[in-house]
Amino acid sequence: MRQQLNFSKKEYFGNFAINFLEKELAICIWY
């Protein structure tokens, strides 16, 4: 149970980081 929670937490922060980087890259490309 705890391992599953840690995995989903990593996945959540990983997706957040990817979305943030994609936004940063989009801003760099547009501006």
Protein backbone atom coordinates (compact mmCIF):
# COMPACT_ATOMS: atom_id res chain seq x y z
CA MET A 1 0.00 0.00 0.00
CA ARG A 2 2.76 2.43 0.95
CA GLN A 3 4.79 1.57 -2.16
CA GLN A 4 1.78 2.25 -4.35
CA LEU A 5 1.29 5.64 -2.67
CA ASN A 6 4.95 6.57 -3.16
CA PHE A 7 4.79 5.52 -6.81
CA SER A 8 1.67 7.61 -7.50
CA LYS A 9 3.30 10.56 -5.71
CA LYS A 10 6.42 10.25 -7.90
CA GLU A 11 4.21 9.95 -10.97
CA TYR A 12 2.25 13.06 -9.95
CA PHE A 13 5.35 15.20 -9.43
CA GLY A 14 6.92 13.76 -12.58
CA ASN A 15 3.90 14.77 -14.65
CA PHE A 16 3.90 18.21 -12.98
CA ALA A 17 7.57 18.71 -13.85
CA ILE A 18 6.99 17.58 -17.46
CA ASN A 19 4.04 19.95 -17.85
CA PHE A 20 6.09 22.80 -16.37
CA LEU A 21 9.02 22.13 -18.72
CA GLU A 22 6.68 21.92 -21.72
CA LYS A 23 5.21 25.32 -20.79
CA GLU A 24 8.70 26.80 -20.36
CA LEU A 25 9.76 25.42 -23.75
CA ALA A 26 6.59 26.76 -25.38
CA ILE A 27 7.30 30.22 -23.89
CA CYS A 28 10.90 30.08 -25.16
CA ILE A 29 9.71 29.10 -28.63
CA TRP A 30 6.97 31.75 -28.82
CA TYR A 31 9.05 34.55 -27.35
